[in-house]
Amino acid sequence: MKQRRTTRTSIHAGRPSSGAFTLVELLVVLAIIILLASLALPALKGMTKSDTMQAANRQLIDDIAYARRLAIRTRSTVYMTFIPTWVANTVCTDPDDEKMRRNKLIGLQYSGYNFFSFRRAGEQPGRLRMHYYGDWQGLPPNVFIAEWKYTTGTNGIPPFKTYNIPFPSTSPGATNNLKPIPAIAFNYLGQLESKEDEIIPLARGALLLPETDNQEFVDQPAQLQEVPPGNSVSNYNHIRIDWLTGRAKVERPEINP
């Protein structure tokens, strides 16, 4: 006897589940997500820029404190040296110096600095043993020292003072050819030798560095673009070093209530 095979069709067949989204509902949710993301993006960008500047502030304040402590501990003058603007227009006689200049220092224009002393702790006065403390380092991306600090200054803020210092290392070729290097000098008391407050103006923007196809730096000065234009003056962010104490703080425009 043949058995009849039957199938039971669900009474819910062809109906969408009550817990599922329709295509229209999914599109609405997606549109809301895109709208919220577009509204939040400018705020996130602004937060990122603010965080980058705060990181630069903290880095400089910490390193200025380091230079001050170093001068007191070694009882000698310590120079916080900055990469000169002519770094892309010179050639170092020492091969290692030249390699460092081409591969690193050109890329740190308006951003790089180091610490230098003519003698170390415990050495007899008058005996020179020139020494850089550590490697050349730079500020966070998209933050740099305003160009005018290296040239003429502005609004009553003078440019960096220069000191005859070996650059970029204490190799024999460099020590026999001292060059004027922008620097801030701390004496053995941790005070500024200039007996004047020092201001380091930071700017937001882009630092354009020409490169070859092999991503090697070209011997050309960096091109600076403050974004927004002139923010190192109109919306300034200054690191002020009190000459008497050698301590640094951040100065920003006052916001009137």
C-alpha atoms as a PDB file:
ATOM      1  CA  MET A   1       0.000   0.000   0.000  1.00  0.00           C
ATOM      2  CA  LYS A   2       1.303   3.285  -0.981  1.00  0.00           C
ATOM      3  CA  GLN A   3       1.585   5.837   1.745  1.00  0.00           C
ATOM      4  CA  ARG A   4       0.584   9.374   0.998  1.00  0.00           C
ATOM      5  CA  ARG A   5       3.358  11.771   1.795  1.00  0.00           C
ATOM      6  CA  THR A   6       2.063  15.085   2.999  1.00  0.00           C
ATOM      7  CA  THR A   7       3.765  18.319   3.928  1.00  0.00           C
ATOM      8  CA  ARG A   8       2.598  20.878   6.429  1.00  0.00           C
ATOM      9  CA  THR A   9       2.915  24.437   5.418  1.00  0.00           C
ATOM     10  CA  SER A  10       3.525  26.898   8.214  1.00  0.00           C
ATOM     11  CA  ILE A  11       0.806  29.448   8.665  1.00  0.00           C
ATOM     12  CA  HIS A  12       3.587  32.030   8.938  1.00  0.00           C
ATOM     13  CA  ALA A  13       5.099  31.315   5.541  1.00  0.00           C
ATOM     14  CA  GLY A  14       5.658  34.402   3.439  1.00  0.00           C
ATOM     15  CA  ARG A  15       5.405  36.709   6.426  1.00  0.00           C
ATOM     16  CA  PRO A  16       8.391  38.628   7.781  1.00  0.00           C
ATOM     17  CA  SER A  17       9.290  37.889  11.351  1.00  0.00           C
ATOM     18  CA  SER A  18       7.985  40.465  13.764  1.00  0.00           C
ATOM     19  CA  GLY A  19      11.514  40.843  15.240  1.00  0.00           C
ATOM     20  CA  ALA A  20      13.309  41.537  11.950  1.00  0.00           C
ATOM     21  CA  PHE A  21      14.051  44.900  10.303  1.00  0.00           C
ATOM     22  CA  THR A  22      12.628  45.720   6.949  1.00  0.00           C
ATOM     23  CA  LEU A  23      14.888  47.108   4.256  1.00  0.00           C
ATOM     24  CA  VAL A  24      13.409  50.570   4.737  1.00  0.00           C
ATOM     25  CA  GLU A  25      14.062  50.460   8.476  1.00  0.00           C
ATOM     26  CA  LEU A  26      17.670  49.384   7.906  1.00  0.00           C
ATOM     27  CA  LEU A  27      18.211  52.258   5.486  1.00  0.00           C
ATOM     28  CA  VAL A  28      16.772  54.718   8.016  1.00  0.00           C
ATOM     29  CA  VAL A  29      19.080  53.426  10.763  1.00  0.00           C
ATOM     30  CA  LEU A  30      22.079  53.598   8.412  1.00  0.00           C
ATOM     31  CA  ALA A  31      21.217  57.184   7.458  1.00  0.00           C
ATOM     32  CA  ILE A  32      21.027  58.178  11.135  1.00  0.00           C
ATOM     33  CA  ILE A  33      24.436  56.607  11.828  1.00  0.00           C
ATOM     34  CA  ILE A  34      26.012  58.464   8.897  1.00  0.00           C
ATOM     35  CA  LEU A  35      24.444  61.750  10.043  1.00  0.00           C
ATOM     36  CA  LEU A  36      25.726  61.347  13.611  1.00  0.00           C
ATOM     37  CA  ALA A  37      29.204  60.444  12.346  1.00  0.00           C
ATOM     38  CA  SER A  38      29.334  63.515  10.098  1.00  0.00           C
ATOM     39  CA  LEU A  39      28.312  65.743  13.001  1.00  0.00           C
ATOM     40  CA  ALA A  40      30.899  64.231  15.341  1.00  0.00           C
ATOM     41  CA  LEU A  41      33.824  64.258  12.874  1.00  0.00           C
ATOM     42  CA  PRO A  42      34.703  67.992  13.163  1.00  0.00           C
ATOM     43  CA  ALA A  43      34.664  67.722  16.940  1.00  0.00           C
ATOM     44  CA  LEU A  44      36.929  64.676  16.820  1.00  0.00           C
ATOM     45  CA  LYS A  45      39.329  66.474  14.470  1.00  0.00           C
ATOM     46  CA  GLY A  46      39.426  69.474  16.787  1.00  0.00           C
ATOM     47  CA  MET A  47      40.039  67.185  19.747  1.00  0.00           C
ATOM     48  CA  THR A  48      42.917  65.506  17.911  1.00  0.00           C
ATOM     49  CA  LYS A  49      44.552  68.876  17.104  1.00  0.00           C
ATOM     50  CA  SER A  50      44.146  69.981  20.715  1.00  0.00           C
ATOM     51  CA  ASP A  51      45.614  66.725  22.008  1.00  0.00           C
ATOM     52  CA  THR A  52      48.603  67.068  19.655  1.00  0.00           C
ATOM     53  CA  MET A  53      49.362  70.601  20.849  1.00  0.00           C
ATOM     54  CA  GLN A  54      48.986  69.541  24.472  1.00  0.00           C
ATOM     55  CA  ALA A  55      51.427  66.700  23.850  1.00  0.00           C
ATOM     56  CA  ALA A  56      53.913  69.176  22.342  1.00  0.00           C
ATOM     57  CA  ASN A  57      53.483  71.494  25.341  1.00  0.00           C
ATOM     58  CA  ARG A  58      54.077  68.670  27.789  1.00  0.00           C
ATOM     59  CA  GLN A  59      57.097  67.407  25.866  1.00  0.00           C
ATOM     60  CA  LEU A  60      58.803  70.810  25.778  1.00  0.00           C
ATOM     61  CA  ILE A  61      58.053  71.625  29.413  1.00  0.00           C
ATOM     62  CA  ASP A  62      59.469  68.263  30.507  1.00  0.00           C
ATOM     63  CA  ASP A  63      62.584  68.650  28.353  1.00  0.00           C
ATOM     64  CA  ILE A  64      63.182  72.224  29.501  1.00  0.00           C
ATOM     65  CA  ALA A  65      63.009  70.947  33.082  1.00  0.00           C
ATOM     66  CA  TYR A  66      65.524  68.259  32.116  1.00  0.00           C
ATOM     67  CA  ALA A  67      67.953  70.861  30.717  1.00  0.00           C
ATOM     68  CA  ARG A  68      67.609  72.923  33.885  1.00  0.00           C
ATOM     69  CA  ARG A  69      68.263  69.933  36.165  1.00  0.00           C
ATOM     70  CA  LEU A  70      71.192  68.874  34.004  1.00  0.00           C
ATOM     71  CA  ALA A  71      72.816  72.292  34.342  1.00  0.00           C
ATOM     72  CA  ILE A  72      72.377  72.276  38.123  1.00  0.00           C
ATOM     73  CA  ARG A  73      73.602  68.694  38.512  1.00  0.00           C
ATOM     74  CA  THR A  74      76.679  69.119  36.327  1.00  0.00           C
ATOM     75  CA  ARG A  75      77.320  72.678  37.543  1.00  0.00           C
ATOM     76  CA  SER A  76      77.905  73.769  33.965  1.00  0.00           C
ATOM     77  CA  THR A  77      76.130  75.652  31.203  1.00  0.00           C
ATOM     78  CA  VAL A  78      73.718  73.430  29.279  1.00  0.00           C
ATOM     79  CA  TYR A  79      72.374  74.530  25.910  1.00  0.00           C
ATOM     80  CA  MET A  80      69.008  73.481  24.559  1.00  0.00           C
ATOM     81  CA  THR A  81      69.999  73.600  20.900  1.00  0.00           C
ATOM     82  CA  PHE A  82      67.637  73.823  17.925  1.00  0.00           C
ATOM     83  CA  ILE A  83      68.280  72.692  14.361  1.00  0.00           C
ATOM     84  CA  PRO A  84      69.348  75.765  12.339  1.00  0.00           C
ATOM     85  CA  THR A  85      67.426  76.817   9.253  1.00  0.00           C
ATOM     86  CA  TRP A  86      70.501  76.309   7.070  1.00  0.00           C
ATOM     87  CA  VAL A  87      70.694  72.562   7.782  1.00  0.00           C
ATOM     88  CA  ALA A  88      69.529  71.770   4.231  1.00  0.00           C
ATOM     89  CA  ASN A  89      72.151  74.065   2.691  1.00  0.00           C
ATOM     90  CA  THR A  90      75.292  72.679   4.297  1.00  0.00           C
ATOM     91  CA  VAL A  91      77.451  69.577   4.019  1.00  0.00           C
ATOM     92  CA  CYS A  92      79.051  67.890   7.029  1.00  0.00           C
ATOM     93  CA  THR A  93      82.680  66.801   6.697  1.00  0.00           C
ATOM     94  CA  ASP A  94      82.237  63.760   8.918  1.00  0.00           C
ATOM     95  CA  PRO A  95      80.500  60.896   7.022  1.00  0.00           C
ATOM     96  CA  ASP A  96      78.368  59.901  10.019  1.00  0.00           C
ATOM     97  CA  ASP A  97      77.326  63.515  10.566  1.00  0.00           C
ATOM     98  CA  GLU A  98      76.410  63.865   6.905  1.00  0.00           C
ATOM     99  CA  LYS A  99      74.363  60.671   7.018  1.00  0.00           C
ATOM    100  CA  MET A 100      72.509  61.930  10.096  1.00  0.00           C
ATOM    101  CA  ARG A 101      71.916  65.313   8.471  1.00  0.00           C
ATOM    102  CA  ARG A 102      70.453  63.853   5.280  1.00  0.00           C
ATOM    103  CA  ASN A 103      68.446  61.018   6.851  1.00  0.00           C
ATOM    104  CA  LYS A 104      67.133  62.734   9.968  1.00  0.00           C
ATOM    105  CA  LEU A 105      67.932  66.373  10.638  1.00  0.00           C
ATOM    106  CA  ILE A 106      66.514  67.792   7.401  1.00  0.00           C
ATOM    107  CA  GLY A 107      63.227  66.165   8.398  1.00  0.00           C
ATOM    108  CA  LEU A 108      63.323  67.865  11.812  1.00  0.00           C
ATOM    109  CA  GLN A 109      63.514  71.456  10.550  1.00  0.00           C
ATOM    110  CA  TYR A 110      61.574  73.855  12.834  1.00  0.00           C
ATOM    111  CA  SER A 111      60.951  70.951  15.195  1.00  0.00           C
ATOM    112  CA  GLY A 112      64.198  69.264  16.247  1.00  0.00           C
ATOM    113  CA  TYR A 113      66.303  69.984  19.330  1.00  0.00           C
ATOM    114  CA  ASN A 114      68.980  68.459  21.547  1.00  0.00           C
ATOM    115  CA  PHE A 115      71.057  69.281  24.650  1.00  0.00           C
ATOM    116  CA  PHE A 116      74.723  70.235  24.643  1.00  0.00           C
ATOM    117  CA  SER A 117      77.465  71.120  27.102  1.00  0.00           C
ATOM    118  CA  PHE A 118      81.097  72.141  26.657  1.00  0.00           C
ATOM    119  CA  ARG A 119      82.172  70.046  29.643  1.00  0.00           C
ATOM    120  CA  ARG A 120      80.900  67.199  31.802  1.00  0.00           C
ATOM    121  CA  ALA A 121      80.392  66.927  35.537  1.00  0.00           C
ATOM    122  CA  GLY A 122      83.577  66.540  37.567  1.00  0.00           C
ATOM    123  CA  GLU A 123      85.898  67.927  34.917  1.00  0.00           C
ATOM    124  CA  GLN A 124      88.304  70.685  35.783  1.00  0.00           C
ATOM    125  CA  PRO A 125      87.190  74.236  34.979  1.00  0.00           C
ATOM    126  CA  GLY A 126      88.576  75.432  31.679  1.00  0.00           C
ATOM    127  CA  ARG A 127      88.899  71.914  30.299  1.00  0.00           C
ATOM    128  CA  LEU A 128      86.512  71.370  27.418  1.00  0.00           C
ATOM    129  CA  ARG A 129      84.965  68.028  26.630  1.00  0.00           C
ATOM    130  CA  MET A 130      82.076  68.862  24.348  1.00  0.00           C
ATOM    131  CA  HIS A 131      79.104  66.579  24.683  1.00  0.00           C
ATOM    132  CA  TYR A 132      75.581  66.129  23.295  1.00  0.00           C
ATOM    133  CA  TYR A 133      73.114  64.468  25.649  1.00  0.00           C
ATOM    134  CA  GLY A 134      71.124  61.920  23.672  1.00  0.00           C
ATOM    135  CA  ASP A 135      69.767  62.060  20.137  1.00  0.00           C
ATOM    136  CA  TRP A 136      68.112  64.838  18.191  1.00  0.00           C
ATOM    137  CA  GLN A 137      64.353  64.662  18.681  1.00  0.00           C
ATOM    138  CA  GLY A 138      61.323  66.416  17.230  1.00  0.00           C
ATOM    139  CA  LEU A 139      57.869  67.642  18.183  1.00  0.00           C
ATOM    140  CA  PRO A 140      54.661  65.691  17.440  1.00  0.00           C
ATOM    141  CA  PRO A 141      53.366  65.785  13.832  1.00  0.00           C
ATOM    142  CA  ASN A 142      51.658  68.979  12.607  1.00  0.00           C
ATOM    143  CA  VAL A 143      53.201  71.083  15.392  1.00  0.00           C
ATOM    144  CA  PHE A 144      56.362  73.138  14.849  1.00  0.00           C
ATOM    145  CA  ILE A 145      58.185  76.194  16.170  1.00  0.00           C
ATOM    146  CA  ALA A 146      57.034  79.326  14.348  1.00  0.00           C
ATOM    147  CA  GLU A 147      59.346  80.336  11.514  1.00  0.00           C
ATOM    148  CA  TRP A 148      59.692  83.899  12.787  1.00  0.00           C
ATOM    149  CA  LYS A 149      61.368  82.650  15.967  1.00  0.00           C
ATOM    150  CA  TYR A 150      64.384  81.702  13.827  1.00  0.00           C
ATOM    151  CA  THR A 151      64.516  84.972  11.878  1.00  0.00           C
ATOM    152  CA  THR A 152      63.370  88.368  13.108  1.00  0.00           C
ATOM    153  CA  GLY A 153      60.915  87.645  15.903  1.00  0.00           C
ATOM    154  CA  THR A 154      57.570  89.437  16.085  1.00  0.00           C
ATOM    155  CA  ASN A 155      55.378  91.514  18.401  1.00  0.00           C
ATOM    156  CA  GLY A 156      58.226  92.196  20.806  1.00  0.00           C
ATOM    157  CA  ILE A 157      59.292  88.541  20.970  1.00  0.00           C
ATOM    158  CA  PRO A 158      62.948  88.288  19.893  1.00  0.00           C
ATOM    159  CA  PRO A 159      64.369  85.451  17.795  1.00  0.00           C
ATOM    160  CA  PHE A 160      66.515  82.685  19.239  1.00  0.00           C
ATOM    161  CA  LYS A 161      69.959  83.726  20.388  1.00  0.00           C
ATOM    162  CA  THR A 162      72.787  81.865  18.669  1.00  0.00           C
ATOM    163  CA  TYR A 163      75.908  80.315  20.187  1.00  0.00           C
ATOM    164  CA  ASN A 164      78.999  78.867  18.520  1.00  0.00           C
ATOM    165  CA  ILE A 165      78.448  75.140  19.009  1.00  0.00           C
ATOM    166  CA  PRO A 166      79.594  72.044  17.092  1.00  0.00           C
ATOM    167  CA  PHE A 167      76.844  70.736  14.843  1.00  0.00           C
ATOM    168  CA  PRO A 168      75.335  68.199  14.559  1.00  0.00           C
ATOM    169  CA  SER A 169      77.627  66.167  16.853  1.00  0.00           C
ATOM    170  CA  THR A 170      80.951  66.415  18.642  1.00  0.00           C
ATOM    171  CA  SER A 171      82.902  64.650  15.912  1.00  0.00           C
ATOM    172  CA  PRO A 172      86.400  66.108  15.267  1.00  0.00           C
ATOM    173  CA  GLY A 173      85.187  67.765  12.086  1.00  0.00           C
ATOM    174  CA  ALA A 174      82.350  69.498  13.934  1.00  0.00           C
ATOM    175  CA  THR A 175      84.342  70.582  16.980  1.00  0.00           C
ATOM    176  CA  ASN A 176      86.961  72.177  14.737  1.00  0.00           C
ATOM    177  CA  ASN A 177      84.288  74.176  12.939  1.00  0.00           C
ATOM    178  CA  LEU A 178      81.914  75.733  15.462  1.00  0.00           C
ATOM    179  CA  LYS A 179      78.799  77.277  13.953  1.00  0.00           C
ATOM    180  CA  PRO A 180      76.114  79.703  15.197  1.00  0.00           C
ATOM    181  CA  ILE A 181      73.306  77.477  16.482  1.00  0.00           C
ATOM    182  CA  PRO A 182      69.951  78.690  17.873  1.00  0.00           C
ATOM    183  CA  ALA A 183      69.934  77.766  21.552  1.00  0.00           C
ATOM    184  CA  ILE A 184      68.711  78.535  25.058  1.00  0.00           C
ATOM    185  CA  ALA A 185      71.487  78.509  27.677  1.00  0.00           C
ATOM    186  CA  PHE A 186      70.950  77.418  31.309  1.00  0.00           C
ATOM    187  CA  ASN A 187      73.691  78.284  33.817  1.00  0.00           C
ATOM    188  CA  TYR A 188      74.796  76.175  36.794  1.00  0.00           C
ATOM    189  CA  LEU A 189      71.983  77.689  38.910  1.00  0.00           C
ATOM    190  CA  GLY A 190      69.349  76.585  36.410  1.00  0.00           C
ATOM    191  CA  GLN A 191      68.753  80.171  35.309  1.00  0.00           C
ATOM    192  CA  LEU A 192      68.817  81.510  31.765  1.00  0.00           C
ATOM    193  CA  GLU A 193      72.152  83.089  30.919  1.00  0.00           C
ATOM    194  CA  SER A 194      70.364  85.748  28.875  1.00  0.00           C
ATOM    195  CA  LYS A 195      68.711  87.132  32.040  1.00  0.00           C
ATOM    196  CA  GLU A 196      65.560  87.513  29.959  1.00  0.00           C
ATOM    197  CA  ASP A 197      62.470  85.356  29.744  1.00  0.00           C
ATOM    198  CA  GLU A 198      62.494  83.092  26.697  1.00  0.00           C
ATOM    199  CA  ILE A 199      59.407  82.355  24.598  1.00  0.00           C
ATOM    200  CA  ILE A 200      59.093  79.372  22.262  1.00  0.00           C
ATOM    201  CA  PRO A 201      56.065  79.938  19.977  1.00  0.00           C
ATOM    202  CA  LEU A 202      54.393  76.781  18.707  1.00  0.00           C
ATOM    203  CA  ALA A 203      52.287  76.705  15.549  1.00  0.00           C
ATOM    204  CA  ARG A 204      49.764  74.280  14.084  1.00  0.00           C
ATOM    205  CA  GLY A 205      49.987  73.366  10.441  1.00  0.00           C
ATOM    206  CA  ALA A 206      51.955  71.447   7.862  1.00  0.00           C
ATOM    207  CA  LEU A 207      55.689  71.065   7.392  1.00  0.00           C
ATOM    208  CA  LEU A 208      56.388  70.292   3.736  1.00  0.00           C
ATOM    209  CA  LEU A 209      59.671  68.487   3.101  1.00  0.00           C
ATOM    210  CA  PRO A 210      60.728  67.670  -0.483  1.00  0.00           C
ATOM    211  CA  GLU A 211      61.607  63.998  -0.982  1.00  0.00           C
ATOM    212  CA  THR A 212      63.008  61.846  -3.759  1.00  0.00           C
ATOM    213  CA  ASP A 213      61.154  58.885  -5.245  1.00  0.00           C
ATOM    214  CA  ASN A 214      63.020  56.744  -2.721  1.00  0.00           C
ATOM    215  CA  GLN A 215      61.570  58.847   0.129  1.00  0.00           C
ATOM    216  CA  GLU A 216      64.918  60.438   0.916  1.00  0.00           C
ATOM    217  CA  PHE A 217      65.072  64.078   1.965  1.00  0.00           C
ATOM    218  CA  VAL A 218      66.217  66.627  -0.601  1.00  0.00           C
ATOM    219  CA  ASP A 219      68.682  69.395   0.283  1.00  0.00           C
ATOM    220  CA  GLN A 220      66.000  72.080   0.313  1.00  0.00           C
ATOM    221  CA  PRO A 221      64.554  74.189   3.125  1.00  0.00           C
ATOM    222  CA  ALA A 222      61.206  73.070   4.502  1.00  0.00           C
ATOM    223  CA  GLN A 223      58.051  74.910   3.450  1.00  0.00           C
ATOM    224  CA  LEU A 224      55.803  75.892   6.355  1.00  0.00           C
ATOM    225  CA  GLN A 225      52.041  76.374   6.283  1.00  0.00           C
ATOM    226  CA  GLU A 226      50.326  77.520   9.455  1.00  0.00           C
ATOM    227  CA  VAL A 227      46.747  76.198   9.559  1.00  0.00           C
ATOM    228  CA  PRO A 228      44.821  78.377  10.097  1.00  0.00           C
ATOM    229  CA  PRO A 229      47.210  81.025   8.703  1.00  0.00           C
ATOM    230  CA  GLY A 230      49.018  83.091  11.322  1.00  0.00           C
ATOM    231  CA  ASN A 231      47.832  81.019  14.283  1.00  0.00           C
ATOM    232  CA  SER A 232      51.251  81.358  15.957  1.00  0.00           C
ATOM    233  CA  VAL A 233      50.311  85.014  16.508  1.00  0.00           C
ATOM    234  CA  SER A 234      46.512  85.297  16.374  1.00  0.00           C
ATOM    235  CA  ASN A 235      45.813  82.180  18.469  1.00  0.00           C
ATOM    236  CA  TYR A 236      49.214  81.750  20.031  1.00  0.00           C
ATOM    237  CA  ASN A 237      50.529  78.870  22.103  1.00  0.00           C
ATOM    238  CA  HIS A 238      53.724  79.971  23.850  1.00  0.00           C
ATOM    239  CA  ILE A 239      56.138  78.148  26.104  1.00  0.00           C
ATOM    240  CA  ARG A 240      57.519  80.836  28.415  1.00  0.00           C
ATOM    241  CA  ILE A 241      60.694  80.150  30.410  1.00  0.00           C
ATOM    242  CA  ASP A 242      61.182  82.370  33.449  1.00  0.00           C
ATOM    243  CA  TRP A 243      64.818  83.449  33.302  1.00  0.00           C
ATOM    244  CA  LEU A 244      65.274  83.602  37.090  1.00  0.00           C
ATOM    245  CA  THR A 245      63.926  80.141  37.904  1.00  0.00           C
ATOM    246  CA  GLY A 246      64.460  78.392  34.573  1.00  0.00           C
ATOM    247  CA  ARG A 247      60.971  76.912  34.826  1.00  0.00           C
ATOM    248  CA  ALA A 248      58.532  76.813  31.911  1.00  0.00           C
ATOM    249  CA  LYS A 249      54.787  77.241  31.537  1.00  0.00           C
ATOM    250  CA  VAL A 250      52.226  77.450  28.734  1.00  0.00           C
ATOM    251  CA  GLU A 251      50.717  80.799  27.753  1.00  0.00           C
ATOM    252  CA  ARG A 252      47.478  81.005  25.760  1.00  0.00           C
ATOM    253  CA  PRO A 253      45.147  83.911  24.885  1.00  0.00           C
ATOM    254  CA  GLU A 254      42.793  84.879  27.675  1.00  0.00           C
ATOM    255  CA  ILE A 255      39.122  84.162  27.009  1.00  0.00           C
ATOM    256  CA  ASN A 256      36.868  86.934  28.245  1.00  0.00           C
ATOM    257  CA  PRO A 257      33.600  85.728  29.811  1.00  0.00           C
END
